[in-house]
PDB file of all heavy atoms in Angstrom:
ATOM      1  N   ASP A   1      82.480 134.262 102.883  1.00  0.00           N
ATOM      2  CA  ASP A   1      83.095 133.455 101.821  1.00  0.00           C
ATOM      3  C   ASP A   1      83.554 134.283 100.622  1.00  0.00           C
ATOM      4  O   ASP A   1      83.812 133.743  99.550  1.00  0.00           O
ATOM      5  CB  ASP A   1      82.120 132.374 101.356  1.00  0.00           C
ATOM      6  CG  ASP A   1      80.859 132.959 100.720  1.00  0.00           C
ATOM      7  OD1 ASP A   1      80.649 134.180 100.830  1.00  0.00           O
ATOM      8  OD2 ASP A   1      80.086 132.187 100.114  1.00  0.00           O
ATOM      9  N   GLY A   2      83.646 135.605 100.797  1.00  0.00           N
ATOM     10  CA  GLY A   2      84.112 136.456  99.711  1.00  0.00           C
ATOM     11  C   GLY A   2      83.044 136.853  98.714  1.00  0.00           C
ATOM     12  O   GLY A   2      83.358 137.305  97.617  1.00  0.00           O
ATOM     13  N   THR A   3      81.792 136.701  99.093  1.00  0.00           N
ATOM     14  CA  THR A   3      80.691 137.049  98.188  1.00  0.00           C
ATOM     15  C   THR A   3      80.764 138.512  97.750  1.00  0.00           C
ATOM     16  O   THR A   3      80.700 138.823  96.559  1.00  0.00           O
ATOM     17  CB  THR A   3      79.338 136.777  98.865  1.00  0.00           C
ATOM     18  OG1 THR A   3      79.188 135.370  99.077  1.00  0.00           O
ATOM     19  CG2 THR A   3      78.189 137.255  97.996  1.00  0.00           C
ATOM     20  N   ALA A   4      80.900 139.422  98.704  1.00  0.00           N
ATOM     21  CA  ALA A   4      80.898 140.853  98.377  1.00  0.00           C
ATOM     22  C   ALA A   4      82.069 141.222  97.472  1.00  0.00           C
ATOM     23  O   ALA A   4      81.910 141.991  96.511  1.00  0.00           O
ATOM     24  CB  ALA A   4      80.938 141.673  99.662  1.00  0.00           C
ATOM     25  N   ALA A   5      83.243 140.687  97.753  1.00  0.00           N
ATOM     26  CA  ALA A   5      84.419 140.998  96.942  1.00  0.00           C
ATOM     27  C   ALA A   5      84.235 140.524  95.507  1.00  0.00           C
ATOM     28  O   ALA A   5      84.616 141.222  94.550  1.00  0.00           O
ATOM     29  CB  ALA A   5      85.665 140.354  97.560  1.00  0.00           C
ATOM     30  N   ALA A   6      83.649 139.351  95.347  1.00  0.00           N
ATOM     31  CA  ALA A   6      83.413 138.809  94.004  1.00  0.00           C
ATOM     32  C   ALA A   6      82.427 139.676  93.232  1.00  0.00           C
ATOM     33  O   ALA A   6      82.590 139.919  92.036  1.00  0.00           O
ATOM     34  CB  ALA A   6      82.902 137.372  94.108  1.00  0.00           C
ATOM     35  N   ILE A   7      81.391 140.160  93.925  1.00  0.00           N
ATOM     36  CA  ILE A   7      80.394 141.011  93.269  1.00  0.00           C
ATOM     37  C   ILE A   7      81.017 142.342  92.849  1.00  0.00           C
ATOM     38  O   ILE A   7      80.802 142.830  91.729  1.00  0.00           O
ATOM     39  CB  ILE A   7      79.191 141.240  94.205  1.00  0.00           C
ATOM     40  CG1 ILE A   7      78.442 139.926  94.436  1.00  0.00           C
ATOM     41  CG2 ILE A   7      78.247 142.292  93.626  1.00  0.00           C
ATOM     42  CD1 ILE A   7      77.399 139.995  95.519  1.00  0.00           C
ATOM     43  N   LYS A   8      81.799 142.937  93.733  1.00  0.00           N
ATOM     44  CA  LYS A   8      82.449 144.211  93.420  1.00  0.00           C
ATOM     45  C   LYS A   8      83.340 144.089  92.185  1.00  0.00           C
ATOM     46  O   LYS A   8      83.388 144.980  91.335  1.00  0.00           O
ATOM     47  CB  LYS A   8      83.282 144.684  94.613  1.00  0.00           C
ATOM     48  CG  LYS A   8      82.477 145.244  95.765  1.00  0.00           C
ATOM     49  CD  LYS A   8      83.415 145.700  96.874  1.00  0.00           C
ATOM     50  CE  LYS A   8      82.636 146.267  98.060  1.00  0.00           C
ATOM     51  NZ  LYS A   8      83.552 146.704  99.146  1.00  0.00           N
ATOM     52  N   LYS A   9      84.043 142.975  92.088  1.00  0.00           N
ATOM     53  CA  LYS A   9      84.985 142.780  90.984  1.00  0.00           C
ATOM     54  C   LYS A   9      84.280 142.508  89.664  1.00  0.00           C
ATOM     55  O   LYS A   9      84.629 143.079  88.628  1.00  0.00           O
ATOM     56  CB  LYS A   9      85.924 141.621  91.321  1.00  0.00           C
ATOM     57  CG  LYS A   9      86.963 141.338  90.251  1.00  0.00           C
ATOM     58  CD  LYS A   9      87.878 140.193  90.660  1.00  0.00           C
ATOM     59  CE  LYS A   9      88.909 139.903  89.565  1.00  0.00           C
ATOM     60  NZ  LYS A   9      89.824 138.796  89.949  1.00  0.00           N
ATOM     61  N   LYS A  10      83.271 141.635  89.703  1.00  0.00           N
ATOM     62  CA  LYS A  10      82.630 141.173  88.470  1.00  0.00           C
ATOM     63  C   LYS A  10      81.444 142.038  88.042  1.00  0.00           C
ATOM     64  O   LYS A  10      81.126 142.126  86.850  1.00  0.00           O
ATOM     65  CB  LYS A  10      82.158 139.724  88.659  1.00  0.00           C
ATOM     66  CG  LYS A  10      83.278 138.718  88.884  1.00  0.00           C
ATOM     67  CD  LYS A  10      82.708 137.328  89.149  1.00  0.00           C
ATOM     68  CE  LYS A  10      83.783 136.296  89.431  1.00  0.00           C
ATOM     69  NZ  LYS A  10      84.595 135.994  88.241  1.00  0.00           N
ATOM     70  N   PHE A  11      80.777 142.670  89.019  1.00  0.00           N
ATOM     71  CA  PHE A  11      79.546 143.406  88.708  1.00  0.00           C
ATOM     72  C   PHE A  11      79.560 144.763  89.413  1.00  0.00           C
ATOM     73  O   PHE A  11      78.806 144.991  90.369  1.00  0.00           O
ATOM     74  CB  PHE A  11      78.320 142.593  89.136  1.00  0.00           C
ATOM     75  CG  PHE A  11      78.343 141.169  88.668  1.00  0.00           C
ATOM     76  CD1 PHE A  11      78.744 140.148  89.524  1.00  0.00           C
ATOM     77  CD2 PHE A  11      77.989 140.838  87.362  1.00  0.00           C
ATOM     78  CE1 PHE A  11      78.772 138.829  89.095  1.00  0.00           C
ATOM     79  CE2 PHE A  11      78.023 139.528  86.920  1.00  0.00           C
ATOM     80  CZ  PHE A  11      78.427 138.521  87.787  1.00  0.00           C
ATOM     81  N   PRO A  12      80.407 145.674  88.968  1.00  0.00           N
ATOM     82  CA  PRO A  12      80.543 146.958  89.671  1.00  0.00           C
ATOM     83  C   PRO A  12      79.283 147.821  89.656  1.00  0.00           C
ATOM     84  O   PRO A  12      79.148 148.727  90.484  1.00  0.00           O
ATOM     85  CB  PRO A  12      81.684 147.650  88.898  1.00  0.00           C
ATOM     86  CG  PRO A  12      81.717 146.970  87.558  1.00  0.00           C
ATOM     87  CD  PRO A  12      81.301 145.546  87.816  1.00  0.00           C
ATOM     88  N   SER A  13      78.353 147.559  88.747  1.00  0.00           N
ATOM     89  CA  SER A  13      77.128 148.368  88.690  1.00  0.00           C
ATOM     90  C   SER A  13      76.098 147.950  89.732  1.00  0.00           C
ATOM     91  O   SER A  13      75.118 148.664  89.971  1.00  0.00           O
ATOM     92  CB  SER A  13      76.498 148.276  87.299  1.00  0.00           C
ATOM     93  OG  SER A  13      76.030 146.960  87.039  1.00  0.00           O
ATOM     94  N   VAL A  14      76.305 146.806  90.357  1.00  0.00           N
ATOM     95  CA  VAL A  14      75.350 146.293  91.344  1.00  0.00           C
ATOM     96  C   VAL A  14      75.560 146.983  92.689  1.00  0.00           C
ATOM     97  O   VAL A  14      76.693 147.073  93.183  1.00  0.00           O
ATOM     98  CB  VAL A  14      75.505 144.768  91.494  1.00  0.00           C
ATOM     99  CG1 VAL A  14      74.693 144.247  92.678  1.00  0.00           C
ATOM    100  CG2 VAL A  14      75.077 144.060  90.212  1.00  0.00           C
ATOM    101  N   ALA A  15      74.497 147.467  93.271  1.00  0.00           N
ATOM    102  CA  ALA A  15      74.574 148.092  94.593  1.00  0.00           C
ATOM    103  C   ALA A  15      74.706 147.014  95.664  1.00  0.00           C
ATOM    104  O   ALA A  15      74.033 145.981  95.608  1.00  0.00           O
ATOM    105  CB  ALA A  15      73.331 148.935  94.853  1.00  0.00           C
ATOM    106  N   LEU A  16      75.573 147.259  96.637  1.00  0.00           N
ATOM    107  CA  LEU A  16      75.806 146.302  97.722  1.00  0.00           C
ATOM    108  C   LEU A  16      75.414 146.925  99.058  1.00  0.00           C
ATOM    109  O   LEU A  16      75.888 148.006  99.417  1.00  0.00           O
ATOM    110  CB  LEU A  16      77.272 145.906  97.766  1.00  0.00           C
ATOM    111  CG  LEU A  16      77.677 144.592  97.070  1.00  0.00           C
ATOM    112  CD1 LEU A  16      79.195 144.506  96.969  1.00  0.00           C
ATOM    113  CD2 LEU A  16      77.129 143.394  97.814  1.00  0.00           C
ATOM    114  N   LEU A  17      74.537 146.241  99.769  1.00  0.00           N
ATOM    115  CA  LEU A  17      74.193 146.619 101.134  1.00  0.00           C
ATOM    116  C   LEU A  17      74.662 145.496 102.054  1.00  0.00           C
ATOM    117  O   LEU A  17      74.738 144.335 101.646  1.00  0.00           O
ATOM    118  CB  LEU A  17      72.687 146.831 101.277  1.00  0.00           C
ATOM    119  CG  LEU A  17      72.020 147.808 100.301  1.00  0.00           C
ATOM    120  CD1 LEU A  17      70.526 147.895 100.585  1.00  0.00           C
ATOM    121  CD2 LEU A  17      72.662 149.187 100.389  1.00  0.00           C
ATOM    122  N   TYR A  18      74.936 145.847 103.303  1.00  0.00           N
ATOM    123  CA  TYR A  18      75.548 144.867 104.188  1.00  0.00           C
ATOM    124  C   TYR A  18      74.743 144.664 105.478  1.00  0.00           C
ATOM    125  O   TYR A  18      74.177 145.613 106.030  1.00  0.00           O
ATOM    126  CB  TYR A  18      76.970 145.296 104.557  1.00  0.00           C
ATOM    127  CG  TYR A  18      77.894 145.412 103.365  1.00  0.00           C
ATOM    128  CD1 TYR A  18      78.039 146.624 102.711  1.00  0.00           C
ATOM    129  CD2 TYR A  18      78.593 144.314 102.897  1.00  0.00           C
ATOM    130  CE1 TYR A  18      78.884 146.744 101.610  1.00  0.00           C
ATOM    131  CE2 TYR A  18      79.439 144.411 101.805  1.00  0.00           C
ATOM    132  CZ  TYR A  18      79.578 145.632 101.161  1.00  0.00           C
ATOM    133  OH  TYR A  18      80.398 145.741 100.064  1.00  0.00           O
ATOM    134  N   GLY A  19      74.740 143.417 105.927  1.00  0.00           N
ATOM    135  CA  GLY A  19      74.200 143.075 107.226  1.00  0.00           C
ATOM    136  C   GLY A  19      75.285 142.389 108.042  1.00  0.00           C
ATOM    137  O   GLY A  19      76.363 142.081 107.519  1.00  0.00           O
ATOM    138  N   ASP A  20      75.001 142.138 109.315  1.00  0.00           N
ATOM    139  CA  ASP A  20      76.000 141.524 110.190  1.00  0.00           C
ATOM    140  C   ASP A  20      75.735 140.044 110.432  1.00  0.00           C
ATOM    141  O   ASP A  20      76.310 139.440 111.334  1.00  0.00           O
ATOM    142  CB  ASP A  20      76.059 142.261 111.525  1.00  0.00           C
ATOM    143  CG  ASP A  20      74.720 142.226 112.268  1.00  0.00           C
ATOM    144  OD1 ASP A  20      73.758 141.614 111.758  1.00  0.00           O
ATOM    145  OD2 ASP A  20      74.637 142.814 113.363  1.00  0.00           O
ATOM    146  N   GLY A  21      74.850 139.456 109.616  1.00  0.00           N
ATOM    147  CA  GLY A  21      74.509 138.051 109.792  1.00  0.00           C
ATOM    148  C   GLY A  21      73.218 137.844 110.553  1.00  0.00           C
ATOM    149  O   GLY A  21      72.772 136.705 110.728  1.00  0.00           O
ATOM    150  N   ASN A  22      72.594 138.933 110.983  1.00  0.00           N
ATOM    151  CA  ASN A  22      71.361 138.830 111.763  1.00  0.00           C
ATOM    152  C   ASN A  22      70.143 139.378 111.030  1.00  0.00           C
ATOM    153  O   ASN A  22      69.076 139.528 111.632  1.00  0.00           O
ATOM    154  CB  ASN A  22      71.530 139.580 113.097  1.00  0.00           C
ATOM    155  CG  ASN A  22      72.551 138.908 113.995  1.00  0.00           C
ATOM    156  OD1 ASN A  22      72.446 137.720 114.273  1.00  0.00           O
ATOM    157  ND2 ASN A  22      73.546 139.664 114.431  1.00  0.00           N
ATOM    158  N   LEU A  23      70.289 139.695 109.759  1.00  0.00           N
ATOM    159  CA  LEU A  23      69.135 140.185 108.994  1.00  0.00           C
ATOM    160  C   LEU A  23      68.190 139.062 108.624  1.00  0.00           C
ATOM    161  O   LEU A  23      66.974 139.238 108.616  1.00  0.00           O
ATOM    162  CB  LEU A  23      69.616 140.876 107.714  1.00  0.00           C
ATOM    163  CG  LEU A  23      70.306 142.220 107.855  1.00  0.00           C
ATOM    164  CD1 LEU A  23      70.781 142.718 106.488  1.00  0.00           C
ATOM    165  CD2 LEU A  23      69.374 143.243 108.489  1.00  0.00           C
ATOM    166  N   TRP A  24      68.747 137.921 108.272  1.00  0.00           N
ATOM    167  CA  TRP A  24      67.978 136.804 107.745  1.00  0.00           C
ATOM    168  C   TRP A  24      67.234 137.253 106.484  1.00  0.00           C
ATOM    169  O   TRP A  24      67.495 138.319 105.946  1.00  0.00           O
ATOM    170  CB  TRP A  24      67.043 136.218 108.809  1.00  0.00           C
ATOM    171  CG  TRP A  24      67.800 135.686 109.996  1.00  0.00           C
ATOM    172  CD1 TRP A  24      68.168 136.379 111.110  1.00  0.00           C
ATOM    173  CD2 TRP A  24      68.331 134.360 110.157  1.00  0.00           C
ATOM    174  NE1 TRP A  24      68.881 135.583 111.964  1.00  0.00           N
ATOM    175  CE2 TRP A  24      68.992 134.329 111.416  1.00  0.00           C
ATOM    176  CE3 TRP A  24      68.290 133.199 109.398  1.00  0.00           C
ATOM    177  CZ2 TRP A  24      69.622 133.191 111.899  1.00  0.00           C
ATOM    178  CZ3 TRP A  24      68.907 132.059 109.884  1.00  0.00           C
ATOM    179  CH2 TRP A  24      69.555 132.056 111.119  1.00  0.00           C
ATOM    180  N   TRP A  25      66.310 136.433 105.982  1.00  0.00           N
ATOM    181  CA  TRP A  25      65.663 136.763 104.710  1.00  0.00           C
ATOM    182  C   TRP A  25      64.824 138.038 104.818  1.00  0.00           C
ATOM    183  O   TRP A  25      64.952 138.954 104.016  1.00  0.00           O
ATOM    184  CB  TRP A  25      64.781 135.608 104.232  1.00  0.00           C
ATOM    185  CG  TRP A  25      64.251 135.820 102.842  1.00  0.00           C
ATOM    186  CD1 TRP A  25      64.835 135.446 101.664  1.00  0.00           C
ATOM    187  CD2 TRP A  25      63.019 136.485 102.474  1.00  0.00           C
ATOM    188  NE1 TRP A  25      64.063 135.821 100.584  1.00  0.00           N
ATOM    189  CE2 TRP A  25      62.948 136.472 101.059  1.00  0.00           C
ATOM    190  CE3 TRP A  25      61.989 137.083 103.187  1.00  0.00           C
ATOM    191  CZ2 TRP A  25      61.871 137.027 100.353  1.00  0.00           C
ATOM    192  CZ3 TRP A  25      60.934 137.648 102.493  1.00  0.00           C
ATOM    193  CH2 TRP A  25      60.883 137.614 101.086  1.00  0.00           C
ATOM    194  N   THR A  26      63.975 138.087 105.813  1.00  0.00           N
ATOM    195  CA  THR A  26      63.039 139.211 105.906  1.00  0.00           C
ATOM    196  C   THR A  26      63.762 140.529 106.142  1.00  0.00           C
ATOM    197  O   THR A  26      63.439 141.552 105.520  1.00  0.00           O
ATOM    198  CB  THR A  26      62.010 138.966 107.021  1.00  0.00           C
ATOM    199  OG1 THR A  26      61.418 137.670 106.849  1.00  0.00           O
ATOM    200  CG2 THR A  26      60.920 140.013 106.991  1.00  0.00           C
ATOM    201  N   GLY A  27      64.763 140.516 107.016  1.00  0.00           N
ATOM    202  CA  GLY A  27      65.506 141.737 107.278  1.00  0.00           C
ATOM    203  C   GLY A  27      66.283 142.214 106.064  1.00  0.00           C
ATOM    204  O   GLY A  27      66.377 143.420 105.808  1.00  0.00           O
ATOM    205  N   ALA A  28      66.830 141.263 105.311  1.00  0.00           N
ATOM    206  CA  ALA A  28      67.582 141.626 104.109  1.00  0.00           C
ATOM    207  C   ALA A  28      66.656 142.203 103.042  1.00  0.00           C
ATOM    208  O   ALA A  28      66.969 143.212 102.396  1.00  0.00           O
ATOM    209  CB  ALA A  28      68.326 140.407 103.574  1.00  0.00           C
ATOM    210  N   ILE A  29      65.518 141.561 102.847  1.00  0.00           N
ATOM    211  CA  ILE A  29      64.539 142.068 101.878  1.00  0.00           C
ATOM    212  C   ILE A  29      64.044 143.455 102.281  1.00  0.00           C
ATOM    213  O   ILE A  29      63.923 144.361 101.448  1.00  0.00           O
ATOM    214  CB  ILE A  29      63.358 141.079 101.751  1.00  0.00           C
ATOM    215  CG1 ILE A  29      63.754 139.881 100.871  1.00  0.00           C
ATOM    216  CG2 ILE A  29      62.120 141.758 101.201  1.00  0.00           C
ATOM    217  CD1 ILE A  29      63.912 140.211  99.394  1.00  0.00           C
ATOM    218  N   LYS A  30      63.787 143.634 103.552  1.00  0.00           N
ATOM    219  CA  LYS A  30      63.316 144.939 104.050  1.00  0.00           C
ATOM    220  C   LYS A  30      64.363 146.019 103.795  1.00  0.00           C
ATOM    221  O   LYS A  30      64.025 147.122 103.335  1.00  0.00           O
ATOM    222  CB  LYS A  30      63.004 144.844 105.542  1.00  0.00           C
ATOM    223  CG  LYS A  30      62.542 146.150 106.184  1.00  0.00           C
ATOM    224  CD  LYS A  30      62.157 145.915 107.645  1.00  0.00           C
ATOM    225  CE  LYS A  30      61.659 147.200 108.307  1.00  0.00           C
ATOM    226  NZ  LYS A  30      62.778 148.121 108.628  1.00  0.00           N
ATOM    227  N   LEU A  31      65.626 145.716 104.070  1.00  0.00           N
ATOM    228  CA  LEU A  31      66.690 146.693 103.861  1.00  0.00           C
ATOM    229  C   LEU A  31      66.789 147.070 102.383  1.00  0.00           C
ATOM    230  O   LEU A  31      66.932 148.253 102.034  1.00  0.00           O
ATOM    231  CB  LEU A  31      68.021 146.134 104.355  1.00  0.00           C
ATOM    232  CG  LEU A  31      69.236 147.065 104.254  1.00  0.00           C
ATOM    233  CD1 LEU A  31      69.024 148.330 105.082  1.00  0.00           C
ATOM    234  CD2 LEU A  31      70.495 146.336 104.715  1.00  0.00           C
ATOM    235  N   GLY A  32      66.695 146.074 101.511  1.00  0.00           N
ATOM    236  CA  GLY A  32      66.743 146.343 100.074  1.00  0.00           C
ATOM    237  C   GLY A  32      65.553 147.165  99.603  1.00  0.00           C
ATOM    238  O   GLY A  32      65.690 148.056  98.750  1.00  0.00           O
ATOM    239  N   MET A  33      64.371 146.866 100.154  1.00  0.00           N
ATOM    240  CA  MET A  33      63.175 147.623  99.791  1.00  0.00           C
ATOM    241  C   MET A  33      63.281 149.066 100.264  1.00  0.00           C
ATOM    242  O   MET A  33      62.869 150.001  99.556  1.00  0.00           O
ATOM    243  CB  MET A  33      61.925 146.944 100.372  1.00  0.00           C
ATOM    244  CG  MET A  33      61.615 145.589  99.750  1.00  0.00           C
ATOM    245  SD  MET A  33      60.233 144.740 100.565  1.00  0.00           S
ATOM    246  CE  MET A  33      58.838 145.721  99.991  1.00  0.00           C
ATOM    247  N   GLU A  34      63.818 149.279 101.459  1.00  0.00           N
ATOM    248  CA  GLU A  34      64.003 150.637 101.963  1.00  0.00           C
ATOM    249  C   GLU A  34      64.953 151.427 101.064  1.00  0.00           C
ATOM    250  O   GLU A  34      64.714 152.608 100.769  1.00  0.00           O
ATOM    251  CB  GLU A  34      64.558 150.584 103.390  1.00  0.00           C
ATOM    252  CG  GLU A  34      63.560 150.100 104.425  1.00  0.00           C
ATOM    253  CD  GLU A  34      64.181 149.894 105.790  1.00  0.00           C
ATOM    254  OE1 GLU A  34      65.411 149.687 105.860  1.00  0.00           O
ATOM    255  OE2 GLU A  34      63.443 149.907 106.787  1.00  0.00           O
ATOM    256  N   TYR A  35      66.006 150.768 100.620  1.00  0.00           N
ATOM    257  CA  TYR A  35      66.979 151.402  99.718  1.00  0.00           C
ATOM    258  C   TYR A  35      66.305 151.809  98.408  1.00  0.00           C
ATOM    259  O   TYR A  35      66.468 152.937  97.930  1.00  0.00           O
ATOM    260  CB  TYR A  35      68.125 150.426  99.462  1.00  0.00           C
ATOM    261  CG  TYR A  35      69.184 150.924  98.494  1.00  0.00           C
ATOM    262  CD1 TYR A  35      70.286 151.650  98.951  1.00  0.00           C
ATOM    263  CD2 TYR A  35      69.093 150.632  97.133  1.00  0.00           C
ATOM    264  CE1 TYR A  35      71.262 152.098  98.078  1.00  0.00           C
ATOM    265  CE2 TYR A  35      70.071 151.082  96.248  1.00  0.00           C
ATOM    266  CZ  TYR A  35      71.148 151.808  96.724  1.00  0.00           C
ATOM    267  OH  TYR A  35      72.111 152.242  95.838  1.00  0.00           O
ATOM    268  N   ALA A  36      65.544 150.889  97.832  1.00  0.00           N
ATOM    269  CA  ALA A  36      64.874 151.176  96.559  1.00  0.00           C
ATOM    270  C   ALA A  36      63.821 152.276  96.716  1.00  0.00           C
ATOM    271  O   ALA A  36      63.724 153.186  95.889  1.00  0.00           O
ATOM    272  CB  ALA A  36      64.231 149.892  96.027  1.00  0.00           C
ATOM    273  N   TYR A  37      63.048 152.198  97.778  1.00  0.00           N
ATOM    274  CA  TYR A  37      61.978 153.172  98.000  1.00  0.00           C
ATOM    275  C   TYR A  37      62.542 154.574  98.220  1.00  0.00           C
ATOM    276  O   TYR A  37      61.960 155.574  97.766  1.00  0.00           O
ATOM    277  CB  TYR A  37      61.140 152.740  99.197  1.00  0.00           C
ATOM    278  CG  TYR A  37      59.831 153.471  99.338  1.00  0.00           C
ATOM    279  CD1 TYR A  37      58.783 153.234  98.447  1.00  0.00           C
ATOM    280  CD2 TYR A  37      59.618 154.380 100.373  1.00  0.00           C
ATOM    281  CE1 TYR A  37      57.570 153.901  98.578  1.00  0.00           C
ATOM    282  CE2 TYR A  37      58.411 155.048 100.516  1.00  0.00           C
ATOM    283  CZ  TYR A  37      57.383 154.802  99.611  1.00  0.00           C
ATOM    284  OH  TYR A  37      56.187 155.460  99.744  1.00  0.00           O
ATOM    285  N   SER A  38      63.694 154.663  98.884  1.00  0.00           N
ATOM    286  CA  SER A  38      64.314 155.965  99.138  1.00  0.00           C
ATOM    287  C   SER A  38      64.823 156.608  97.849  1.00  0.00           C
ATOM    288  O   SER A  38      65.091 157.814  97.825  1.00  0.00           O
ATOM    289  CB  SER A  38      65.474 155.816 100.127  1.00  0.00           C
ATOM    290  OG  SER A  38      66.572 155.127  99.531  1.00  0.00           O
ATOM    291  N   ARG A  39      64.935 155.789  96.805  1.00  0.00           N
ATOM    292  CA  ARG A  39      65.386 156.287  95.501  1.00  0.00           C
ATOM    293  C   ARG A  39      64.232 156.408  94.511  1.00  0.00           C
ATOM    294  O   ARG A  39      64.435 156.406  93.301  1.00  0.00           O
ATOM    295  CB  ARG A  39      66.501 155.394  94.966  1.00  0.00           C
ATOM    296  CG  ARG A  39      67.822 155.702  95.653  1.00  0.00           C
ATOM    297  CD  ARG A  39      68.790 154.535  95.643  1.00  0.00           C
ATOM    298  NE  ARG A  39      70.044 154.945  96.301  1.00  0.00           N
ATOM    299  CZ  ARG A  39      70.190 155.046  97.625  1.00  0.00           C
ATOM    300  NH1 ARG A  39      69.174 154.788  98.421  1.00  0.00           N
ATOM    301  NH2 ARG A  39      71.349 155.427  98.152  1.00  0.00           N
ATOM    302  N   ALA A  40      63.049 156.540  95.047  1.00  0.00           N
ATOM    303  CA  ALA A  40      61.846 156.798  94.242  1.00  0.00           C
ATOM    304  C   ALA A  40      61.621 155.749  93.157  1.00  0.00           C
ATOM    305  O   ALA A  40      61.289 156.065  92.017  1.00  0.00           O
ATOM    306  CB  ALA A  40      61.918 158.190  93.624  1.00  0.00           C
TER     307      ALA A  40
END
């Protein structure tokens, strides 16, 4: 629905990670946590 494009335009400082629709809540949270943890 254009969520990512809207975020890029309005909030360029926000990091965007992508899934293919199969992450669901837990997979999305896990991916975000891995990203944050890798950045200390």
